[in-house]
PDB file of N, CA and C in Angstrom:
ATOM      1  N   MET A   1       0.781  -1.030   0.291  1.00  0.00           N
ATOM      2  CA  MET A   1       0.006   0.062  -0.019  1.00  0.00           C
ATOM      3  C   MET A   1       1.108   1.225   0.022  1.00  0.00           C
ATOM      4  N   THR A   2       0.451   2.259  -0.868  1.00  0.00           N
ATOM      5  CA  THR A   2       1.172   3.458  -1.138  1.00  0.00           C
ATOM      6  C   THR A   2       0.481   4.264  -0.491  1.00  0.00           C
ATOM      7  N   TRP A   3       0.816   5.543   0.218  1.00  0.00           N
ATOM      8  CA  TRP A   3       0.402   6.508   0.900  1.00  0.00           C
ATOM      9  C   TRP A   3       0.704   7.972  -0.374  1.00  0.00           C
ATOM     10  N   PHE A   4      -0.333   8.687  -0.549  1.00  0.00           N
ATOM     11  CA  PHE A   4      -0.657   9.920  -1.349  1.00  0.00           C
ATOM     12  C   PHE A   4      -1.194  11.039  -0.331  1.00  0.00           C
ATOM     13  N   THR A   5      -0.663  12.418  -0.737  1.00  0.00           N
ATOM     14  CA  THR A   5      -1.460  13.378  -0.066  1.00  0.00           C
ATOM     15  C   THR A   5      -1.558  14.309  -1.066  1.00  0.00           C
ATOM     16  N   ALA A   6      -2.687  15.018  -0.578  1.00  0.00           N
ATOM     17  CA  ALA A   6      -3.293  16.281  -1.190  1.00  0.00           C
ATOM     18  C   ALA A   6      -3.637  17.489  -0.006  1.00  0.00           C
ATOM     19  N   THR A   7      -3.474  18.547  -0.557  1.00  0.00           N
ATOM     20  CA  THR A   7      -3.698  19.791   0.637  1.00  0.00           C
ATOM     21  C   THR A   7      -5.012  20.196   0.555  1.00  0.00           C
ATOM     22  N   LEU A   8      -5.812  20.528   1.303  1.00  0.00           N
ATOM     23  CA  LEU A   8      -7.339  20.832   1.051  1.00  0.00           C
ATOM     24  C   LEU A   8      -7.306  22.139   0.694  1.00  0.00           C
ATOM     25  N   GLY A   9      -7.890  22.863  -0.222  1.00  0.00           N
ATOM     26  CA  GLY A   9      -8.169  24.214  -0.780  1.00  0.00           C
ATOM     27  C   GLY A   9      -9.195  24.941   0.211  1.00  0.00           C
ATOM     28  N   PRO A  10      -9.263  26.160   0.027  1.00  0.00           N
ATOM     29  CA  PRO A  10      -9.959  27.020   1.090  1.00  0.00           C
ATOM     30  C   PRO A  10     -11.385  26.693   0.560  1.00  0.00           C
ATOM     31  N   LYS A  11     -12.230  25.855  -0.183  1.00  0.00           N
ATOM     32  CA  LYS A  11     -13.435  25.314  -0.177  1.00  0.00           C
ATOM     33  C   LYS A  11     -13.609  23.783  -0.126  1.00  0.00           C
ATOM     34  N   GLY A  12     -12.524  23.533   0.300  1.00  0.00           N
ATOM     35  CA  GLY A  12     -12.686  22.000   0.983  1.00  0.00           C
ATOM     36  C   GLY A  12     -12.395  21.032  -0.295  1.00  0.00           C
ATOM     37  N   GLN A  13     -11.566  21.495  -1.460  1.00  0.00           N
ATOM     38  CA  GLN A  13     -11.568  20.814  -2.641  1.00  0.00           C
ATOM     39  C   GLN A  13     -10.077  20.173  -2.500  1.00  0.00           C
ATOM     40  N   ILE A  14      -9.694  19.219  -3.347  1.00  0.00           N
ATOM     41  CA  ILE A  14      -8.583  18.784  -3.280  1.00  0.00           C
ATOM     42  C   ILE A  14      -8.406  18.290  -4.676  1.00  0.00           C
ATOM     43  N   THR A  15      -6.661  18.099  -5.140  1.00  0.00           N
ATOM     44  CA  THR A  15      -6.941  17.770  -6.815  1.00  0.00           C
ATOM     45  C   THR A  15      -6.312  16.138  -6.452  1.00  0.00           C
ATOM     46  N   LEU A  16      -6.737  15.044  -6.925  1.00  0.00           N
ATOM     47  CA  LEU A  16      -6.172  13.970  -6.835  1.00  0.00           C
ATOM     48  C   LEU A  16      -5.169  13.443  -7.338  1.00  0.00           C
ATOM     49  N   PRO A  17      -3.907  12.877  -6.863  1.00  0.00           N
ATOM     50  CA  PRO A  17      -2.675  12.880  -7.401  1.00  0.00           C
ATOM     51  C   PRO A  17      -2.687  12.059  -8.320  1.00  0.00           C
ATOM     52  N   LYS A  18      -1.816  12.561  -9.545  1.00  0.00           N
ATOM     53  CA  LYS A  18      -1.951  11.618 -10.828  1.00  0.00           C
ATOM     54  C   LYS A  18      -1.872  10.149 -10.586  1.00  0.00           C
ATOM     55  N   LYS A  19      -1.080   9.478  -9.959  1.00  0.00           N
ATOM     56  CA  LYS A  19      -0.804   8.134  -9.677  1.00  0.00           C
ATOM     57  C   LYS A  19      -2.413   7.402  -9.334  1.00  0.00           C
ATOM     58  N   VAL A  20      -3.176   8.379  -8.090  1.00  0.00           N
ATOM     59  CA  VAL A  20      -4.531   7.856  -7.416  1.00  0.00           C
ATOM     60  C   VAL A  20      -5.494   7.992  -8.690  1.00  0.00           C
ATOM     61  N   ARG A  21      -5.754   8.944  -9.843  1.00  0.00           N
ATOM     62  CA  ARG A  21      -6.279   8.888 -11.150  1.00  0.00           C
ATOM     63  C   ARG A  21      -6.101   7.959 -11.906  1.00  0.00           C
ATOM     64  N   MET A  22      -4.473   7.412 -12.217  1.00  0.00           N
ATOM     65  CA  MET A  22      -4.214   6.341 -12.913  1.00  0.00           C
ATOM     66  C   MET A  22      -5.055   5.321 -12.539  1.00  0.00           C
ATOM     67  N   THR A  23      -4.665   4.973 -11.061  1.00  0.00           N
ATOM     68  CA  THR A  23      -5.090   3.725 -10.197  1.00  0.00           C
ATOM     69  C   THR A  23      -6.195   3.243 -10.991  1.00  0.00           C
ATOM     70  N   ILE A  24      -7.182   4.535 -10.402  1.00  0.00           N
ATOM     71  CA  ILE A  24      -8.585   4.444 -10.846  1.00  0.00           C
ATOM     72  C   ILE A  24      -9.133   4.514 -12.015  1.00  0.00           C
ATOM     73  N   GLY A  25      -8.674   4.956 -12.976  1.00  0.00           N
ATOM     74  CA  GLY A  25      -8.932   5.166 -14.144  1.00  0.00           C
ATOM     75  C   GLY A  25      -9.787   6.370 -14.528  1.00  0.00           C
ATOM     76  N   ALA A  26      -9.403   7.249 -13.651  1.00  0.00           N
ATOM     77  CA  ALA A  26     -10.251   8.421 -13.910  1.00  0.00           C
ATOM     78  C   ALA A  26      -9.084   9.644 -14.460  1.00  0.00           C
ATOM     79  N   LEU A  27      -8.925   9.739 -15.856  1.00  0.00           N
ATOM     80  CA  LEU A  27      -7.954  10.426 -16.283  1.00  0.00           C
ATOM     81  C   LEU A  27      -8.477  11.595 -17.237  1.00  0.00           C
ATOM     82  N   GLU A  28      -9.863  11.758 -17.516  1.00  0.00           N
ATOM     83  CA  GLU A  28     -10.504  12.726 -18.350  1.00  0.00           C
ATOM     84  C   GLU A  28     -11.422  13.928 -17.603  1.00  0.00           C
ATOM     85  N   LYS A  29     -11.083  14.729 -17.916  1.00  0.00           N
ATOM     86  CA  LYS A  29     -11.990  15.937 -17.568  1.00  0.00           C
ATOM     87  C   LYS A  29     -13.490  15.512 -17.505  1.00  0.00           C
ATOM     88  N   GLY A  30     -14.300  15.746 -16.444  1.00  0.00           N
ATOM     89  CA  GLY A  30     -15.760  15.163 -16.459  1.00  0.00           C
ATOM     90  C   GLY A  30     -15.450  13.951 -16.116  1.00  0.00           C
ATOM     91  N   ASP A  31     -14.812  12.832 -15.870  1.00  0.00           N
ATOM     92  CA  ASP A  31     -14.888  11.602 -14.998  1.00  0.00           C
ATOM     93  C   ASP A  31     -15.347  11.891 -13.834  1.00  0.00           C
ATOM     94  N   THR A  32     -16.413  11.044 -13.435  1.00  0.00           N
ATOM     95  CA  THR A  32     -17.028  11.019 -12.096  1.00  0.00           C
ATOM     96  C   THR A  32     -15.939  10.000 -11.229  1.00  0.00           C
ATOM     97  N   VAL A  33     -15.907  10.369  -9.761  1.00  0.00           N
ATOM     98  CA  VAL A  33     -15.446   9.829  -8.596  1.00  0.00           C
ATOM     99  C   VAL A  33     -16.126   9.487  -7.700  1.00  0.00           C
ATOM    100  N   GLY A  34     -16.515   8.309  -7.446  1.00  0.00           N
ATOM    101  CA  GLY A  34     -17.474   7.968  -6.296  1.00  0.00           C
ATOM    102  C   GLY A  34     -16.540   7.828  -4.871  1.00  0.00           C
ATOM    103  N   PHE A  35     -16.823   7.925  -3.576  1.00  0.00           N
ATOM    104  CA  PHE A  35     -16.307   7.852  -2.424  1.00  0.00           C
ATOM    105  C   PHE A  35     -17.456   7.152  -1.568  1.00  0.00           C
ATOM    106  N   MET A  36     -16.692   6.214  -1.259  1.00  0.00           N
ATOM    107  CA  MET A  36     -17.511   5.067  -0.094  1.00  0.00           C
ATOM    108  C   MET A  36     -16.701   5.283   1.166  1.00  0.00           C
ATOM    109  N   VAL A  37     -17.527   5.689   2.200  1.00  0.00           N
ATOM    110  CA  VAL A  37     -17.189   6.196   3.777  1.00  0.00           C
ATOM    111  C   VAL A  37     -17.577   4.821   4.402  1.00  0.00           C
ATOM    112  N   ASP A  38     -16.464   4.527   5.376  1.00  0.00           N
ATOM    113  CA  ASP A  38     -16.819   3.648   6.344  1.00  0.00           C
ATOM    114  C   ASP A  38     -16.495   4.129   7.666  1.00  0.00           C
ATOM    115  N   GLU A  39     -17.548   4.466   8.057  1.00  0.00           N
ATOM    116  CA  GLU A  39     -17.648   5.049   9.538  1.00  0.00           C
ATOM    117  C   GLU A  39     -16.910   4.170  10.718  1.00  0.00           C
ATOM    118  N   LYS A  40     -17.233   3.216  10.289  1.00  0.00           N
ATOM    119  CA  LYS A  40     -16.604   2.175  11.515  1.00  0.00           C
ATOM    120  C   LYS A  40     -14.899   2.144  11.720  1.00  0.00           C
ATOM    121  N   SER A  41     -14.489   2.430  10.633  1.00  0.00           N
ATOM    122  CA  SER A  41     -12.958   2.282  10.597  1.00  0.00           C
ATOM    123  C   SER A  41     -12.480   3.615  10.071  1.00  0.00           C
ATOM    124  N   GLU A  42     -12.945   4.790  10.009  1.00  0.00           N
ATOM    125  CA  GLU A  42     -12.732   6.255   9.775  1.00  0.00           C
ATOM    126  C   GLU A  42     -12.302   6.018   8.791  1.00  0.00           C
ATOM    127  N   SER A  43     -12.630   5.590   7.359  1.00  0.00           N
ATOM    128  CA  SER A  43     -11.767   5.228   6.189  1.00  0.00           C
ATOM    129  C   SER A  43     -12.691   5.819   5.095  1.00  0.00           C
ATOM    130  N   VAL A  44     -12.177   6.209   3.923  1.00  0.00           N
ATOM    131  CA  VAL A  44     -12.701   6.152   2.788  1.00  0.00           C
ATOM    132  C   VAL A  44     -12.098   5.727   1.607  1.00  0.00           C
ATOM    133  N   ARG A  45     -13.026   5.128   0.642  1.00  0.00           N
ATOM    134  CA  ARG A  45     -12.413   4.130  -0.434  1.00  0.00           C
ATOM    135  C   ARG A  45     -12.964   5.155  -2.018  1.00  0.00           C
ATOM    136  N   LEU A  46     -12.253   5.304  -2.714  1.00  0.00           N
ATOM    137  CA  LEU A  46     -12.914   5.835  -3.899  1.00  0.00           C
ATOM    138  C   LEU A  46     -12.593   4.825  -5.289  1.00  0.00           C
ATOM    139  N   ALA A  47     -13.418   5.404  -6.191  1.00  0.00           N
ATOM    140  CA  ALA A  47     -13.221   4.750  -7.716  1.00  0.00           C
ATOM    141  C   ALA A  47     -14.089   5.287  -8.777  1.00  0.00           C
ATOM    142  N   LYS A  48     -13.769   5.318  -9.725  1.00  0.00           N
ATOM    143  CA  LYS A  48     -14.220   5.938 -10.852  1.00  0.00           C
ATOM    144  C   LYS A  48     -15.471   5.548 -10.903  1.00  0.00           C
ATOM    145  N   MET A  49     -16.560   6.129 -11.450  1.00  0.00           N
ATOM    146  CA  MET A  49     -18.177   5.852 -11.284  1.00  0.00           C
ATOM    147  C   MET A  49     -18.773   5.914 -12.643  1.00  0.00           C
ATOM    148  N   GLU A  50     -19.305   5.470 -12.829  1.00  0.00           N
ATOM    149  CA  GLU A  50     -20.167   5.609 -14.427  1.00  0.00           C
ATOM    150  C   GLU A  50     -21.329   5.917 -13.985  1.00  0.00           C
ATOM    151  N   VAL A  51     -21.810   7.387 -13.981  1.00  0.00           N
ATOM    152  CA  VAL A  51     -23.071   7.516 -13.862  1.00  0.00           C
ATOM    153  C   VAL A  51     -24.220   7.644 -15.153  1.00  0.00           C
ATOM    154  N   ARG A  52     -25.293   6.731 -14.744  1.00  0.00           N
ATOM    155  CA  ARG A  52     -26.515   6.420 -15.776  1.00  0.00           C
ATOM    156  C   ARG A  52     -27.557   7.049 -15.416  1.00  0.00           C
ATOM    157  N   PRO A  53     -28.452   7.660 -16.067  1.00  0.00           N
ATOM    158  CA  PRO A  53     -29.592   8.640 -16.097  1.00  0.00           C
ATOM    159  C   PRO A  53     -30.627   7.642 -15.434  1.00  0.00           C
ATOM    160  N   THR A  54     -31.407   8.345 -14.606  1.00  0.00           N
ATOM    161  CA  THR A  54     -32.146   6.840 -13.659  1.00  0.00           C
ATOM    162  C   THR A  54     -33.279   6.572 -14.488  1.00  0.00           C
ATOM    163  N   GLU A  55     -33.175   7.258 -16.128  1.00  0.00           N
ATOM    164  CA  GLU A  55     -34.557   6.692 -17.000  1.00  0.00           C
ATOM    165  C   GLU A  55     -33.651   5.450 -17.724  1.00  0.00           C
ATOM    166  N   ALA A  56     -32.792   5.012 -17.160  1.00  0.00           N
ATOM    167  CA  ALA A  56     -31.877   3.776 -17.634  1.00  0.00           C
ATOM    168  C   ALA A  56     -32.522   2.793 -16.944  1.00  0.00           C
ATOM    169  N   TYR A  57     -33.137   2.928 -15.848  1.00  0.00           N
ATOM    170  CA  TYR A  57     -33.781   2.073 -15.143  1.00  0.00           C
ATOM    171  C   TYR A  57     -35.369   1.815 -14.859  1.00  0.00           C
ATOM    172  N   THR A  58     -35.701   0.927 -14.567  1.00  0.00           N
ATOM    173  CA  THR A  58     -37.282   0.577 -14.381  1.00  0.00           C
ATOM    174  C   THR A  58     -37.455   1.459 -13.375  1.00  0.00           C
ATOM    175  N   GLU A  59     -38.816   1.403 -12.497  1.00  0.00           N
ATOM    176  CA  GLU A  59     -39.048   1.915 -10.994  1.00  0.00           C
ATOM    177  C   GLU A  59     -38.771   0.842 -10.236  1.00  0.00           C
ATOM    178  N   GLU A  60     -39.076  -0.474 -10.757  1.00  0.00           N
ATOM    179  CA  GLU A  60     -38.370  -2.035 -10.012  1.00  0.00           C
ATOM    180  C   GLU A  60     -37.228  -1.775  -9.675  1.00  0.00           C
ATOM    181  N   GLU A  61     -36.214  -1.549 -10.965  1.00  0.00           N
ATOM    182  CA  GLU A  61     -34.777  -1.387 -10.772  1.00  0.00           C
ATOM    183  C   GLU A  61     -34.361  -0.515  -9.552  1.00  0.00           C
ATOM    184  N   LEU A  62     -34.953   0.312  -9.375  1.00  0.00           N
ATOM    185  CA  LEU A  62     -34.822   1.471  -8.566  1.00  0.00           C
ATOM    186  C   LEU A  62     -35.254   1.495  -7.299  1.00  0.00           C
ATOM    187  N   GLN A  63     -36.048   0.714  -6.703  1.00  0.00           N
ATOM    188  CA  GLN A  63     -36.548   0.121  -5.614  1.00  0.00           C
ATOM    189  C   GLN A  63     -35.421  -0.968  -5.095  1.00  0.00           C
ATOM    190  N   LYS A  64     -34.806  -1.782  -6.375  1.00  0.00           N
ATOM    191  CA  LYS A  64     -33.911  -2.470  -5.748  1.00  0.00           C
ATOM    192  C   LYS A  64     -32.797  -1.881  -5.353  1.00  0.00           C
ATOM    193  N   LEU A  65     -32.184  -0.866  -5.965  1.00  0.00           N
ATOM    194  CA  LEU A  65     -30.983  -0.423  -5.892  1.00  0.00           C
ATOM    195  C   LEU A  65     -31.254   0.267  -4.433  1.00  0.00           C
ATOM    196  N   LEU A  66     -32.352   0.796  -4.023  1.00  0.00           N
ATOM    197  CA  LEU A  66     -32.513   1.634  -2.846  1.00  0.00           C
ATOM    198  C   LEU A  66     -32.325   0.609  -1.822  1.00  0.00           C
ATOM    199  N   LYS A  67     -33.040  -0.731  -1.851  1.00  0.00           N
ATOM    200  CA  LYS A  67     -32.988  -1.658  -1.067  1.00  0.00           C
ATOM    201  C   LYS A  67     -31.907  -2.150  -0.738  1.00  0.00           C
ATOM    202  N   ILE A  68     -30.572  -2.501  -1.669  1.00  0.00           N
ATOM    203  CA  ILE A  68     -29.212  -2.857  -1.364  1.00  0.00           C
ATOM    204  C   ILE A  68     -28.343  -1.687  -0.969  1.00  0.00           C
ATOM    205  N   ALA A  69     -28.719  -0.309  -1.383  1.00  0.00           N
ATOM    206  CA  ALA A  69     -28.296   1.010  -0.874  1.00  0.00           C
ATOM    207  C   ALA A  69     -28.495   0.956   0.852  1.00  0.00           C
ATOM    208  N   HIS A  70     -29.342   0.213   1.499  1.00  0.00           N
ATOM    209  CA  HIS A  70     -29.989   0.323   2.662  1.00  0.00           C
ATOM    210  C   HIS A  70     -29.372  -0.555   3.342  1.00  0.00           C
ATOM    211  N   GLN A  71     -28.645  -1.765   2.867  1.00  0.00           N
ATOM    212  CA  GLN A  71     -28.352  -3.173   3.827  1.00  0.00           C
ATOM    213  C   GLN A  71     -27.437  -2.827   4.471  1.00  0.00           C
ATOM    214  N   LYS A  72     -27.371  -3.514   5.543  1.00  0.00           N
ATOM    215  CA  LYS A  72     -26.163  -3.327   6.454  1.00  0.00           C
ATOM    216  C   LYS A  72     -25.290  -4.862   5.781  1.00  0.00           C
ATOM    217  N   ASN A  73     -23.930  -4.545   6.194  1.00  0.00           N
ATOM    218  CA  ASN A  73     -23.267  -5.582   5.828  1.00  0.00           C
ATOM    219  C   ASN A  73     -23.484  -5.997   4.014  1.00  0.00           C
ATOM    220  N   GLY A  74     -23.575  -4.809   3.082  1.00  0.00           N
ATOM    221  CA  GLY A  74     -23.579  -5.134   1.720  1.00  0.00           C
ATOM    222  C   GLY A  74     -22.680  -5.944   1.094  1.00  0.00           C
ATOM    223  N   LYS A  75     -22.829  -6.152  -0.285  1.00  0.00           N
ATOM    224  CA  LYS A  75     -21.902  -6.811  -0.835  1.00  0.00           C
ATOM    225  C   LYS A  75     -20.757  -5.687  -1.448  1.00  0.00           C
ATOM    226  N   LEU A  76     -19.656  -5.922  -1.071  1.00  0.00           N
ATOM    227  CA  LEU A  76     -18.804  -5.140  -1.624  1.00  0.00           C
ATOM    228  C   LEU A  76     -17.536  -5.226  -2.939  1.00  0.00           C
ATOM    229  N   PHE A  77     -17.673  -4.249  -3.875  1.00  0.00           N
ATOM    230  CA  PHE A  77     -17.196  -4.770  -5.249  1.00  0.00           C
ATOM    231  C   PHE A  77     -15.998  -4.050  -5.106  1.00  0.00           C
ATOM    232  N   ALA A  78     -14.766  -5.087  -6.151  1.00  0.00           N
ATOM    233  CA  ALA A  78     -13.732  -4.345  -6.268  1.00  0.00           C
ATOM    234  C   ALA A  78     -13.762  -3.480  -7.333  1.00  0.00           C
ATOM    235  N   SER A  79     -14.361  -3.123  -8.201  1.00  0.00           N
ATOM    236  CA  SER A  79     -14.218  -1.686  -9.114  1.00  0.00           C
ATOM    237  C   SER A  79     -15.555  -1.420  -9.266  1.00  0.00           C
ATOM    238  N   ALA A  80     -15.852  -0.229 -10.085  1.00  0.00           N
ATOM    239  CA  ALA A  80     -17.130   0.301 -10.516  1.00  0.00           C
ATOM    240  C   ALA A  80     -17.811  -0.655 -11.391  1.00  0.00           C
ATOM    241  N   GLU A  81     -16.841  -1.312 -12.467  1.00  0.00           N
ATOM    242  CA  GLU A  81     -17.316  -2.280 -13.610  1.00  0.00           C
ATOM    243  C   GLU A  81     -18.335  -3.661 -13.154  1.00  0.00           C
ATOM    244  N   GLY A  82     -17.399  -3.876 -11.754  1.00  0.00           N
ATOM    245  CA  GLY A  82     -17.959  -5.009 -11.203  1.00  0.00           C
ATOM    246  C   GLY A  82     -19.757  -4.488 -10.534  1.00  0.00           C
ATOM    247  N   PHE A  83     -19.506  -3.279 -10.283  1.00  0.00           N
ATOM    248  CA  PHE A  83     -20.600  -2.845  -9.418  1.00  0.00           C
ATOM    249  C   PHE A  83     -21.913  -2.744 -10.697  1.00  0.00           C
ATOM    250  N   LEU A  84     -21.554  -2.361 -11.690  1.00  0.00           N
ATOM    251  CA  LEU A  84     -22.254  -2.087 -12.711  1.00  0.00           C
ATOM    252  C   LEU A  84     -22.553  -3.123 -13.588  1.00  0.00           C
ATOM    253  N   ARG A  85     -21.345  -4.201 -13.371  1.00  0.00           N
ATOM    254  CA  ARG A  85     -22.332  -5.691 -14.094  1.00  0.00           C
ATOM    255  C   ARG A  85     -23.464  -6.485 -13.012  1.00  0.00           C
ATOM    256  N   HIS A  86     -23.470  -6.171 -11.654  1.00  0.00           N
ATOM    257  CA  HIS A  86     -24.010  -6.639 -10.740  1.00  0.00           C
ATOM    258  C   HIS A  86     -25.226  -5.537 -10.902  1.00  0.00           C
ATOM    259  N   LEU A  87     -25.355  -4.278 -11.001  1.00  0.00           N
ATOM    260  CA  LEU A  87     -26.637  -3.593 -11.275  1.00  0.00           C
ATOM    261  C   LEU A  87     -27.762  -4.246 -12.440  1.00  0.00           C
ATOM    262  N   ASP A  88     -26.470  -4.563 -13.620  1.00  0.00           N
ATOM    263  CA  ASP A  88     -27.366  -5.022 -14.856  1.00  0.00           C
ATOM    264  C   ASP A  88     -27.625  -6.362 -14.553  1.00  0.00           C
ATOM    265  N   SER A  89     -27.119  -7.005 -13.823  1.00  0.00           N
ATOM    266  CA  SER A  89     -27.818  -8.538 -13.583  1.00  0.00           C
ATOM    267  C   SER A  89     -29.386  -8.553 -12.542  1.00  0.00           C
ATOM    268  N   LEU A  90     -29.665  -7.565 -11.799  1.00  0.00           N
ATOM    269  CA  LEU A  90     -30.738  -7.404 -10.835  1.00  0.00           C
ATOM    270  C   LEU A  90     -32.097  -7.816 -11.822  1.00  0.00           C
TER     271      LEU A  90
END
């Protein structure tokens, strides 16, 4: 494991170090990065996310997603792609 640092700006913003952007595949302007906060361990994980419009899912699929989001000890995914494949399989 390698640690990287970034300085917090006046508006609470940071620039992700290039190595971090390369690792998660967020290399272009407009790429979306998701943050998963684990309050128990006081840690944060981040990954490149693919944002899909809600119209891409039916009401039933959105309800399933909400149910998953509120589960304790839910499924963890190694990548955003794995998460999206799981969503598509619902």
